[in-house]
Amino acid sequence: MQTASLINLDPASEYGLQEVGPIIVALGFVIALGGVTAAAIILCGWGHVKSAGINWSKWTAEIVCR
């Protein structure tokens, strides 16, 4: 006797590959913020950075020194 189930697992799906995209995006985000912070310290000097940020919609970085 067979029973019908409404829940079927897809054995062909690769869950490991589905997680790679968000990890790459997050890593790129962290690298971009770290690069802007490093550039701000190089341009303004240690302790003289007022603010540093990235405008993601325009792909620009803004660094304000004291």
N, C-alpha and C. Protein backbone atom coordinates (compact mmCIF):
# COMPACT_ATOMS: atom_id res chain seq x y z
N MET A 1 0.85 -1.18 0.00
CA MET A 1 0.00 0.00 0.00
C MET A 1 0.89 1.24 0.00
N GLN A 2 0.65 2.14 -0.92
CA GLN A 2 1.43 3.38 -1.01
C GLN A 2 0.64 4.50 -0.35
N THR A 3 1.38 5.37 0.31
CA THR A 3 0.75 6.55 0.92
C THR A 3 1.14 7.77 0.12
N ALA A 4 0.24 8.69 -0.02
CA ALA A 4 0.51 9.94 -0.74
C ALA A 4 1.03 10.98 0.23
N SER A 5 2.00 11.74 -0.21
CA SER A 5 2.58 12.78 0.63
C SER A 5 2.54 14.10 -0.13
N LEU A 6 2.23 15.15 0.57
CA LEU A 6 2.23 16.48 -0.03
C LEU A 6 3.61 17.11 -0.04
N ILE A 7 4.53 16.55 0.75
CA ILE A 7 5.89 17.10 0.85
C ILE A 7 6.84 16.13 0.16
N ASN A 8 7.50 16.59 -0.85
CA ASN A 8 8.50 15.78 -1.55
C ASN A 8 9.83 16.51 -1.51
N LEU A 9 10.87 15.79 -1.15
CA LEU A 9 12.22 16.37 -1.14
C LEU A 9 12.81 16.24 -2.53
N ASP A 10 13.50 17.27 -2.96
CA ASP A 10 14.15 17.25 -4.26
C ASP A 10 15.59 16.79 -4.07
N PRO A 11 15.90 15.57 -4.44
CA PRO A 11 17.27 15.09 -4.21
C PRO A 11 18.28 15.73 -5.16
N ALA A 12 17.82 16.38 -6.23
CA ALA A 12 18.74 16.97 -7.20
C ALA A 12 19.22 18.36 -6.80
N SER A 13 18.57 18.97 -5.82
CA SER A 13 18.96 20.34 -5.46
C SER A 13 20.27 20.33 -4.67
N GLU A 14 21.12 21.26 -5.01
CA GLU A 14 22.41 21.41 -4.33
C GLU A 14 22.32 22.60 -3.39
N TYR A 15 22.15 22.35 -2.11
CA TYR A 15 22.01 23.45 -1.16
C TYR A 15 23.32 24.18 -0.95
N GLY A 16 24.43 23.51 -1.13
CA GLY A 16 25.73 24.16 -0.97
C GLY A 16 25.96 25.24 -2.02
N LEU A 17 25.51 25.01 -3.24
CA LEU A 17 25.69 26.00 -4.30
C LEU A 17 24.78 27.20 -4.11
N GLN A 18 23.63 27.01 -3.48
CA GLN A 18 22.70 28.11 -3.26
C GLN A 18 23.22 29.09 -2.21
N GLU A 19 24.10 28.65 -1.36
CA GLU A 19 24.63 29.51 -0.29
C GLU A 19 25.86 30.30 -0.72
N VAL A 20 26.44 29.99 -1.85
CA VAL A 20 27.67 30.64 -2.28
C VAL A 20 27.42 32.09 -2.69
N GLY A 21 26.33 32.37 -3.38
CA GLY A 21 26.03 33.72 -3.86
C GLY A 21 25.98 34.76 -2.75
N PRO A 22 25.16 34.55 -1.71
CA PRO A 22 25.12 35.54 -0.62
C PRO A 22 26.46 35.70 0.11
N ILE A 23 27.23 34.63 0.19
CA ILE A 23 28.54 34.73 0.85
C ILE A 23 29.48 35.60 0.03
N ILE A 24 29.44 35.45 -1.30
CA ILE A 24 30.30 36.27 -2.16
C ILE A 24 29.88 37.74 -2.10
N VAL A 25 28.59 38.00 -2.08
CA VAL A 25 28.10 39.38 -1.98
C VAL A 25 28.51 40.00 -0.65
N ALA A 26 28.37 39.26 0.43
CA ALA A 26 28.76 39.77 1.75
C ALA A 26 30.26 40.01 1.82
N LEU A 27 31.04 39.13 1.25
CA LEU A 27 32.49 39.30 1.24
C LEU A 27 32.90 40.53 0.43
N GLY A 28 32.25 40.74 -0.71
CA GLY A 28 32.51 41.94 -1.50
C GLY A 28 32.15 43.21 -0.75
N PHE A 29 31.05 43.17 -0.01
CA PHE A 29 30.62 44.32 0.80
C PHE A 29 31.67 44.64 1.86
N VAL A 30 32.15 43.63 2.56
CA VAL A 30 33.16 43.85 3.61
C VAL A 30 34.47 44.36 3.02
N ILE A 31 34.87 43.81 1.88
CA ILE A 31 36.11 44.26 1.24
C ILE A 31 35.99 45.71 0.78
N ALA A 32 34.82 46.08 0.23
CA ALA A 32 34.62 47.46 -0.22
C ALA A 32 34.67 48.43 0.94
N LEU A 33 34.01 48.10 2.04
CA LEU A 33 34.04 48.99 3.21
C LEU A 33 35.44 49.09 3.81
N GLY A 34 36.15 47.97 3.84
CA GLY A 34 37.52 47.98 4.34
C GLY A 34 38.43 48.81 3.45
N GLY A 35 38.22 48.74 2.14
CA GLY A 35 39.03 49.52 1.22
C GLY A 35 38.80 51.01 1.37
N VAL A 36 37.54 51.40 1.56
CA VAL A 36 37.23 52.83 1.77
C VAL A 36 37.82 53.30 3.09
N THR A 37 37.74 52.49 4.10
CA THR A 37 38.32 52.86 5.41
C THR A 37 39.84 53.01 5.30
N ALA A 38 40.48 52.07 4.61
CA ALA A 38 41.94 52.17 4.44
C ALA A 38 42.32 53.40 3.63
N ALA A 39 41.56 53.69 2.57
CA ALA A 39 41.84 54.88 1.76
C ALA A 39 41.65 56.15 2.58
N ALA A 40 40.64 56.17 3.43
CA ALA A 40 40.40 57.35 4.27
C ALA A 40 41.56 57.58 5.23
N ILE A 41 42.06 56.51 5.82
CA ILE A 41 43.20 56.64 6.75
C ILE A 41 44.44 57.10 6.00
N ILE A 42 44.65 56.60 4.78
CA ILE A 42 45.82 57.02 4.00
C ILE A 42 45.71 58.49 3.60
N LEU A 43 44.52 58.91 3.17
CA LEU A 43 44.35 60.29 2.72
C LEU A 43 44.34 61.30 3.87
N CYS A 44 43.65 60.97 4.95
CA CYS A 44 43.48 61.95 6.04
C CYS A 44 44.49 61.79 7.17
N GLY A 45 45.02 60.60 7.32
CA GLY A 45 45.91 60.34 8.45
C GLY A 45 45.15 59.67 9.58
N TRP A 46 45.89 58.92 10.37
CA TRP A 46 45.28 58.17 11.47
C TRP A 46 44.66 59.13 12.49
N GLY A 47 43.41 58.94 12.81
CA GLY A 47 42.72 59.77 13.78
C GLY A 47 42.12 61.05 13.22
N HIS A 48 42.28 61.30 11.93
CA HIS A 48 41.77 62.53 11.34
C HIS A 48 40.60 62.29 10.37
N VAL A 49 40.04 61.09 10.37
CA VAL A 49 38.91 60.78 9.49
C VAL A 49 37.62 61.15 10.22
N LYS A 50 36.86 62.08 9.65
CA LYS A 50 35.57 62.45 10.24
C LYS A 50 34.50 61.44 9.85
N SER A 51 34.42 61.11 8.56
CA SER A 51 33.48 60.09 8.10
C SER A 51 33.94 59.53 6.77
N ALA A 52 33.53 58.30 6.52
CA ALA A 52 33.82 57.63 5.25
C ALA A 52 32.64 56.73 4.94
N GLY A 53 32.17 56.79 3.70
CA GLY A 53 31.02 55.97 3.34
C GLY A 53 30.96 55.71 1.86
N ILE A 54 30.08 54.78 1.49
CA ILE A 54 29.89 54.39 0.10
C ILE A 54 28.43 54.63 -0.28
N ASN A 55 28.21 55.29 -1.42
CA ASN A 55 26.88 55.43 -1.99
C ASN A 55 26.72 54.31 -3.00
N TRP A 56 26.01 53.26 -2.62
CA TRP A 56 25.91 52.06 -3.45
C TRP A 56 25.10 52.31 -4.72
N SER A 57 24.14 53.24 -4.69
CA SER A 57 23.32 53.47 -5.88
C SER A 57 24.10 54.20 -6.98
N LYS A 58 25.06 55.05 -6.59
CA LYS A 58 25.87 55.79 -7.58
C LYS A 58 27.28 55.23 -7.71
N TRP A 59 27.62 54.21 -6.93
CA TRP A 59 28.95 53.62 -6.94
C TRP A 59 30.05 54.65 -6.68
N THR A 60 29.84 55.47 -5.64
CA THR A 60 30.84 56.47 -5.27
C THR A 60 31.17 56.31 -3.80
N ALA A 61 32.36 56.80 -3.44
CA ALA A 61 32.79 56.80 -2.05
C ALA A 61 33.00 58.24 -1.62
N GLU A 62 32.66 58.52 -0.37
CA GLU A 62 32.84 59.88 0.17
C GLU A 62 33.68 59.79 1.43
N ILE A 63 34.74 60.58 1.47
CA ILE A 63 35.64 60.61 2.62
C ILE A 63 35.73 62.06 3.09
N VAL A 64 35.47 62.27 4.37
CA VAL A 64 35.53 63.62 4.95
C VAL A 64 36.59 63.61 6.05
N CYS A 65 37.58 64.49 5.89
CA CYS A 65 38.65 64.62 6.89
C CYS A 65 38.31 65.74 7.87
N ARG A 66 38.93 65.71 9.03
CA ARG A 66 38.75 66.76 10.04
C ARG A 66 39.59 67.96 9.70
